[in-house]
Amino acid sequence: MRILFMGTPDFAVPSLEILLENGFEVVAVVTAPDKPGGRQGIQQSAVKQFALAKGLKVLQPEKLKNPAFLEELRSLNADLQIVVAFRMLPEAVWAMPPMGTMNLHGSLLPKYRGAAPINWAIIRGELETGVTTFLLKHEIDTGDLLFQETIPIGPDETAGELHDRMMQIGAKLVLKSVQAIEQGTVKPMPQANIEATHAPKIFAETCKINFEQSASQVHNFVRGLSPYPGAWTILDGKTVKILRTSLDTVQQVGGAGNSPGKWSTDGKTYLNISTLDGAVSVLELQLEGKKRMMARDFLNGYKVLFEPQQ
């Protein structure tokens, strides 16, 4: 079976790697064009770097509907296309191979369809999520389901931590799915569209923390956006990203009773921000123009910003 793999970030690398380790023929890899930056003046995607190291053919089209690119795809005679963390495909691409195009998605579809399923599952306080393989069709994330794997979410787990667990579990599900497709044992199932929820793309301006919410909502918002793009607020006129919080270590001082958004500290051991019904304890943060740091290190350098609570 000839496979064409499409992916860009590090999330996609384990899926490509597991296919190669299990002897599948990957005829080419499609990934994003190089970007300015990096030591050599260009920045290659994680998938491209891995593919080149393995001696794979790499395609980097600017436009997926480009006739020359489509002709090159046809010439590869792929039986199956696999998509992991890539952009939306036109029908001319996803409908090309005889076995179809399979996608790995970071949720238990039909829940959290869209660009940021990992982030939104945590922001909304879900206790579990998962990974899904499905066959692409025209409407985004709506194709027939192949396999799913449920993944619990820890109460303090960040999006970055869940991402790293999910990409390994997802790779195993990709392998399971490809093996079933090759053997003809898979039975695609339509999604229950009535149960669908959405996970739209996240923008920096929507990452501002609303301290008028409950402490648990603020905590979930912070960890759902950590480490990237980062939930943020304003402190002494500067943007500060809050990267890790706790509900278990909040001191009584500066908790309930303060107006939402008020910072409080003893200047040494704790840093709290009041919410609608209490407070969150800040454990890790990043002030504008500075490196991320633990709250105690932050307090050592920025005591002037606070009035210690007695």
Protein backbone atom coordinates (compact mmCIF):
# COMPACT_ATOMS: atom_id res chain seq x y z
CA MET A 1 0.00 0.00 0.00
CA ARG A 2 1.42 3.34 -1.10
CA ILE A 3 0.90 6.12 1.46
CA LEU A 4 1.17 9.89 1.07
CA PHE A 5 1.64 11.64 4.43
CA MET A 6 0.60 15.24 5.12
CA GLY A 7 1.58 17.11 8.27
CA THR A 8 3.58 20.05 9.57
CA PRO A 9 4.27 20.41 13.35
CA ASP A 10 5.94 18.09 15.83
CA PHE A 11 2.51 16.61 16.68
CA ALA A 12 2.59 14.82 13.31
CA VAL A 13 6.10 13.37 13.53
CA PRO A 14 5.35 10.29 15.72
CA SER A 15 2.57 9.24 13.32
CA LEU A 16 4.94 9.35 10.35
CA GLU A 17 7.66 7.63 12.33
CA ILE A 18 5.44 4.73 13.45
CA LEU A 19 4.36 4.04 9.87
CA LEU A 20 7.97 3.81 8.73
CA GLU A 21 8.92 1.63 11.70
CA ASN A 22 6.17 -0.80 10.74
CA GLY A 23 7.28 -1.12 7.15
CA PHE A 24 4.67 0.97 5.37
CA GLU A 25 5.70 2.57 2.09
CA VAL A 26 5.50 6.35 2.39
CA VAL A 27 5.93 7.62 -1.17
CA ALA A 28 6.15 11.30 -0.20
CA VAL A 29 5.48 13.82 2.53
CA VAL A 30 3.53 17.06 2.03
CA THR A 31 4.28 19.82 4.53
CA ALA A 32 4.16 23.60 4.89
CA PRO A 33 6.60 25.83 2.97
CA ASP A 34 9.70 26.98 4.80
CA LYS A 35 9.45 30.23 6.78
CA PRO A 36 11.99 32.98 7.44
CA GLY A 37 13.96 32.45 10.63
CA GLY A 38 16.27 29.91 12.20
CA ARG A 39 20.03 29.65 12.08
CA GLN A 40 20.21 29.29 8.31
CA GLY A 41 17.71 32.07 7.69
CA ILE A 42 14.88 29.60 7.07
CA GLN A 43 12.74 27.53 9.37
CA GLN A 44 11.71 24.07 8.23
CA SER A 45 8.70 22.26 9.66
CA ALA A 46 9.28 19.45 12.15
CA VAL A 47 7.81 17.00 9.65
CA LYS A 48 10.13 18.17 6.87
CA GLN A 49 13.20 17.81 9.08
CA PHE A 50 12.22 14.28 10.05
CA ALA A 51 11.27 13.30 6.48
CA LEU A 52 14.57 14.52 5.05
CA ALA A 53 16.49 12.63 7.73
CA LYS A 54 14.67 9.48 6.60
CA GLY A 55 15.33 10.14 2.91
CA LEU A 56 11.70 10.75 2.01
CA LYS A 57 10.49 12.86 -0.88
CA VAL A 58 9.14 16.20 0.41
CA LEU A 59 6.56 18.44 -1.30
CA GLN A 60 5.88 21.98 -0.06
CA PRO A 61 3.14 23.57 -2.20
CA GLU A 62 2.15 27.17 -1.60
CA LYS A 63 -1.31 26.44 -3.02
CA LEU A 64 -2.93 23.03 -2.81
CA LYS A 65 -4.99 23.64 -5.95
CA ASN A 66 -1.93 24.40 -8.07
CA PRO A 67 -2.20 22.25 -11.25
CA ALA A 68 1.47 21.29 -11.15
CA PHE A 69 1.13 20.09 -7.53
CA LEU A 70 -2.02 18.11 -8.33
CA GLU A 71 -0.29 16.46 -11.26
CA GLU A 72 2.66 15.52 -9.06
CA LEU A 73 0.27 14.00 -6.51
CA ARG A 74 -1.38 11.91 -9.21
CA SER A 75 2.00 10.70 -10.43
CA LEU A 76 2.76 9.28 -6.98
CA ASN A 77 -0.15 6.82 -7.29
CA ALA A 78 -0.85 6.81 -3.56
CA ASP A 79 -3.47 4.32 -2.35
CA LEU A 80 -4.12 6.23 0.86
CA GLN A 81 -3.41 9.73 2.17
CA ILE A 82 -2.89 10.38 5.87
CA VAL A 83 -3.32 13.85 7.35
CA VAL A 84 -2.02 14.79 10.80
CA ALA A 85 -2.02 18.49 11.79
CA PHE A 86 -2.11 19.96 8.31
CA ARG A 87 -4.23 22.61 6.64
CA MET A 88 -7.69 22.11 5.16
CA LEU A 89 -7.56 20.14 1.89
CA PRO A 90 -9.53 20.87 -1.27
CA GLU A 91 -11.64 18.04 -2.63
CA ALA A 92 -9.28 17.68 -5.58
CA VAL A 93 -6.67 16.49 -3.08
CA TRP A 94 -8.55 14.49 -0.46
CA ALA A 95 -10.69 12.62 -3.01
CA MET A 96 -7.71 11.56 -5.13
CA PRO A 97 -6.53 8.22 -3.66
CA PRO A 98 -8.71 5.11 -4.13
CA MET A 99 -8.70 4.29 -0.40
CA GLY A 100 -9.48 7.88 0.56
CA THR A 101 -7.80 10.31 2.94
CA MET A 102 -7.60 9.59 6.65
CA ASN A 103 -7.19 12.29 9.29
CA LEU A 104 -6.07 12.14 12.94
CA HIS A 105 -7.96 14.63 15.10
CA GLY A 106 -7.24 15.60 18.71
CA SER A 107 -10.68 15.01 20.20
CA LEU A 108 -13.46 12.47 20.46
CA LEU A 109 -15.37 13.55 17.39
CA PRO A 110 -17.96 14.90 16.90
CA LYS A 111 -16.94 16.89 20.00
CA TYR A 112 -14.48 19.74 19.45
CA ARG A 113 -14.43 19.98 15.69
CA GLY A 114 -12.06 22.70 14.55
CA ALA A 115 -8.53 24.04 14.81
CA ALA A 116 -7.89 23.95 18.59
CA PRO A 117 -9.51 20.85 20.14
CA ILE A 118 -6.85 20.29 22.80
CA ASN A 119 -7.07 23.85 24.08
CA TRP A 120 -10.85 24.03 24.19
CA ALA A 121 -11.32 20.69 25.92
CA ILE A 122 -9.21 21.96 28.83
CA ILE A 123 -10.66 25.49 28.82
CA ARG A 124 -14.14 24.01 29.15
CA GLY A 125 -13.12 21.81 32.04
CA GLU A 126 -13.46 18.43 30.37
CA LEU A 127 -12.27 15.47 32.44
CA GLU A 128 -11.43 13.45 29.35
CA THR A 129 -10.82 13.86 25.65
CA GLY A 130 -9.23 11.61 23.06
CA VAL A 131 -8.00 11.07 19.53
CA THR A 132 -10.01 10.06 16.49
CA THR A 133 -9.19 8.76 13.04
CA PHE A 134 -11.74 9.45 10.34
CA LEU A 135 -12.12 9.72 6.57
CA LEU A 136 -12.15 13.22 5.16
CA LYS A 137 -15.08 14.70 3.31
CA HIS A 138 -16.01 18.25 2.30
CA GLU A 139 -17.22 19.71 5.63
CA ILE A 140 -14.38 20.03 8.14
CA ASP A 141 -14.07 17.24 10.73
CA THR A 142 -17.35 15.62 9.71
CA GLY A 143 -16.21 12.44 7.93
CA ASP A 144 -16.98 8.86 8.93
CA LEU A 145 -15.22 7.62 12.07
CA LEU A 146 -12.66 4.81 12.03
CA PHE A 147 -11.25 4.47 15.56
CA GLN A 148 -11.15 6.46 18.81
CA GLU A 149 -9.06 6.35 21.97
CA THR A 150 -10.18 8.08 25.17
CA ILE A 151 -7.61 10.06 27.17
CA PRO A 152 -8.18 11.37 30.74
CA ILE A 153 -7.26 14.98 31.46
CA GLY A 154 -5.51 15.73 34.76
CA PRO A 155 -6.95 18.54 36.93
CA ASP A 156 -3.79 20.63 36.52
CA GLU A 157 -2.65 19.35 33.12
CA THR A 158 -1.78 22.02 30.56
CA ALA A 159 -2.51 22.00 26.85
CA GLY A 160 1.19 21.44 26.17
CA GLU A 161 1.35 18.42 28.44
CA LEU A 162 -1.80 16.91 26.97
CA HIS A 163 -0.50 17.62 23.45
CA ASP A 164 2.67 15.63 24.16
CA ARG A 165 0.73 12.64 25.50
CA MET A 166 -1.83 12.83 22.74
CA MET A 167 0.63 12.80 19.86
CA GLN A 168 2.06 9.47 21.03
CA ILE A 169 -1.35 7.90 21.60
CA GLY A 170 -2.52 9.33 18.29
CA ALA A 171 0.40 7.78 16.44
CA LYS A 172 -0.58 4.33 17.70
CA LEU A 173 -4.15 4.96 16.58
CA VAL A 174 -2.91 5.98 13.12
CA LEU A 175 -1.02 2.70 12.87
CA LYS A 176 -4.06 0.70 14.03
CA SER A 177 -6.24 2.49 11.49
CA VAL A 178 -3.87 2.00 8.56
CA GLN A 179 -3.47 -1.67 9.37
CA ALA A 180 -7.26 -2.09 9.46
CA ILE A 181 -7.66 -0.23 6.16
CA GLU A 182 -5.00 -2.44 4.54
CA GLN A 183 -6.65 -5.60 5.85
CA GLY A 184 -10.14 -4.42 4.88
CA THR A 185 -11.48 -4.90 8.41
CA VAL A 186 -12.42 -1.31 9.19
CA LYS A 187 -16.08 -0.29 9.26
CA PRO A 188 -16.47 3.51 9.00
CA MET A 189 -19.29 4.94 11.12
CA PRO A 190 -21.08 8.24 10.48
CA GLN A 191 -20.77 10.94 13.13
CA ALA A 192 -23.71 11.96 15.30
CA ASN A 193 -23.81 15.56 14.10
CA ILE A 194 -26.37 16.51 16.75
CA GLU A 195 -23.66 15.96 19.40
CA ALA A 196 -21.09 18.18 17.69
CA THR A 197 -19.25 20.94 19.55
CA HIS A 198 -16.70 23.32 18.12
CA ALA A 199 -13.08 24.29 18.84
CA PRO A 200 -12.38 27.40 16.78
CA LYS A 201 -8.95 28.85 16.16
CA ILE A 202 -7.54 30.83 19.08
CA PHE A 203 -6.23 34.36 18.66
CA ALA A 204 -4.00 36.35 21.03
CA GLU A 205 -6.65 38.98 21.67
CA THR A 206 -9.09 36.35 22.94
CA CYS A 207 -6.55 35.00 25.45
CA LYS A 208 -7.06 37.82 27.96
CA ILE A 209 -8.10 36.41 31.33
CA ASN A 210 -11.53 37.36 32.65
CA PHE A 211 -11.21 37.38 36.43
CA GLU A 212 -14.96 37.97 36.74
CA GLN A 213 -15.25 34.21 36.27
CA SER A 214 -14.90 31.54 38.96
CA ALA A 215 -11.48 30.41 40.13
CA SER A 216 -11.92 27.03 38.43
CA GLN A 217 -12.84 28.71 35.13
CA VAL A 218 -9.76 30.96 35.32
CA HIS A 219 -7.57 27.97 36.21
CA ASN A 220 -8.92 25.99 33.23
CA PHE A 221 -8.45 28.97 30.91
CA VAL A 222 -4.82 29.37 31.96
CA ARG A 223 -3.87 25.72 31.57
CA GLY A 224 -5.83 25.42 28.33
CA LEU A 225 -3.64 28.11 26.78
CA SER A 226 -0.31 27.07 28.30
CA PRO A 227 2.38 27.23 27.09
CA TYR A 228 1.11 28.71 23.83
CA PRO A 229 -0.28 31.20 23.06
CA GLY A 230 -0.59 31.92 26.78
CA ALA A 231 -3.40 33.46 28.82
CA TRP A 232 -2.56 37.04 29.68
CA THR A 233 -3.49 40.03 31.80
CA ILE A 234 -2.06 43.46 32.55
CA LEU A 235 0.21 44.22 35.51
CA ASP A 236 1.60 47.71 36.13
CA GLY A 237 0.88 48.61 32.52
CA LYS A 238 2.68 45.59 31.10
CA THR A 239 1.38 42.38 29.57
CA VAL A 240 2.05 39.31 31.68
CA LYS A 241 1.29 35.75 30.62
CA ILE A 242 0.03 33.45 33.35
CA LEU A 243 1.34 29.99 32.45
CA ARG A 244 0.52 27.86 35.46
CA THR A 245 -1.89 28.28 38.35
CA SER A 246 -3.16 26.22 41.24
CA LEU A 247 -6.41 26.02 43.14
CA ASP A 248 -4.91 23.92 45.93
CA THR A 249 -2.21 26.29 47.16
CA VAL A 250 -4.18 29.53 47.41
CA GLN A 251 -3.44 31.38 50.64
CA GLN A 252 -6.38 32.65 52.62
CA VAL A 253 -4.88 36.12 52.48
CA GLY A 254 -5.88 37.83 49.27
CA GLY A 255 -8.49 35.24 48.38
CA ALA A 256 -12.22 35.60 48.69
CA GLY A 257 -13.39 39.10 49.50
CA ASN A 258 -11.06 40.98 47.15
CA SER A 259 -12.37 42.44 43.91
CA PRO A 260 -11.78 40.20 40.85
CA GLY A 261 -8.39 40.80 39.25
CA LYS A 262 -6.66 42.09 42.40
CA TRP A 263 -3.12 40.78 42.90
CA SER A 264 -1.97 39.91 46.40
CA THR A 265 1.26 38.54 47.87
CA ASP A 266 3.44 38.43 50.95
CA GLY A 267 6.33 39.39 48.67
CA LYS A 268 8.08 36.06 49.19
CA THR A 269 6.09 32.85 49.11
CA TYR A 270 2.83 33.31 47.22
CA LEU A 271 1.21 35.32 44.47
CA ASN A 272 -2.58 35.26 44.15
CA ILE A 273 -5.12 36.86 41.84
CA SER A 274 -8.69 37.24 43.02
CA THR A 275 -11.57 35.86 40.99
CA LEU A 276 -15.33 36.02 41.23
CA ASP A 277 -15.50 33.41 43.98
CA GLY A 278 -11.99 33.28 45.45
CA ALA A 279 -8.53 33.31 43.92
CA VAL A 280 -6.00 31.37 41.90
CA SER A 281 -2.40 30.94 42.97
CA VAL A 282 0.07 31.89 40.25
CA LEU A 283 2.88 29.35 39.98
CA GLU A 284 4.55 30.33 36.71
CA LEU A 285 4.37 33.48 34.60
CA GLN A 286 6.14 35.55 31.97
CA LEU A 287 6.36 39.32 32.05
CA GLU A 288 6.48 41.18 28.74
CA GLY A 289 10.04 41.07 27.35
CA LYS A 290 11.24 38.56 29.97
CA LYS A 291 11.68 34.79 30.19
CA ARG A 292 9.09 32.59 31.86
CA MET A 293 9.79 32.07 35.55
CA MET A 294 8.39 30.64 38.74
CA ALA A 295 6.34 32.98 40.90
CA ARG A 296 8.91 33.10 43.73
CA ASP A 297 11.67 34.12 41.31
CA PHE A 298 9.34 36.72 39.84
CA LEU A 299 8.64 38.18 43.29
CA ASN A 300 12.35 38.50 44.02
CA GLY A 301 12.74 40.89 41.10
CA TYR A 302 9.39 42.67 41.06
CA LYS A 303 8.47 43.33 44.67
CA VAL A 304 7.97 46.99 43.83
CA LEU A 305 4.81 46.13 41.93
CA PHE A 306 2.99 44.82 44.96
CA GLU A 307 1.83 45.86 48.38
CA PRO A 308 2.47 42.86 50.64
CA GLN A 309 -0.64 41.70 52.49
CA GLN A 310 -0.43 41.47 56.27
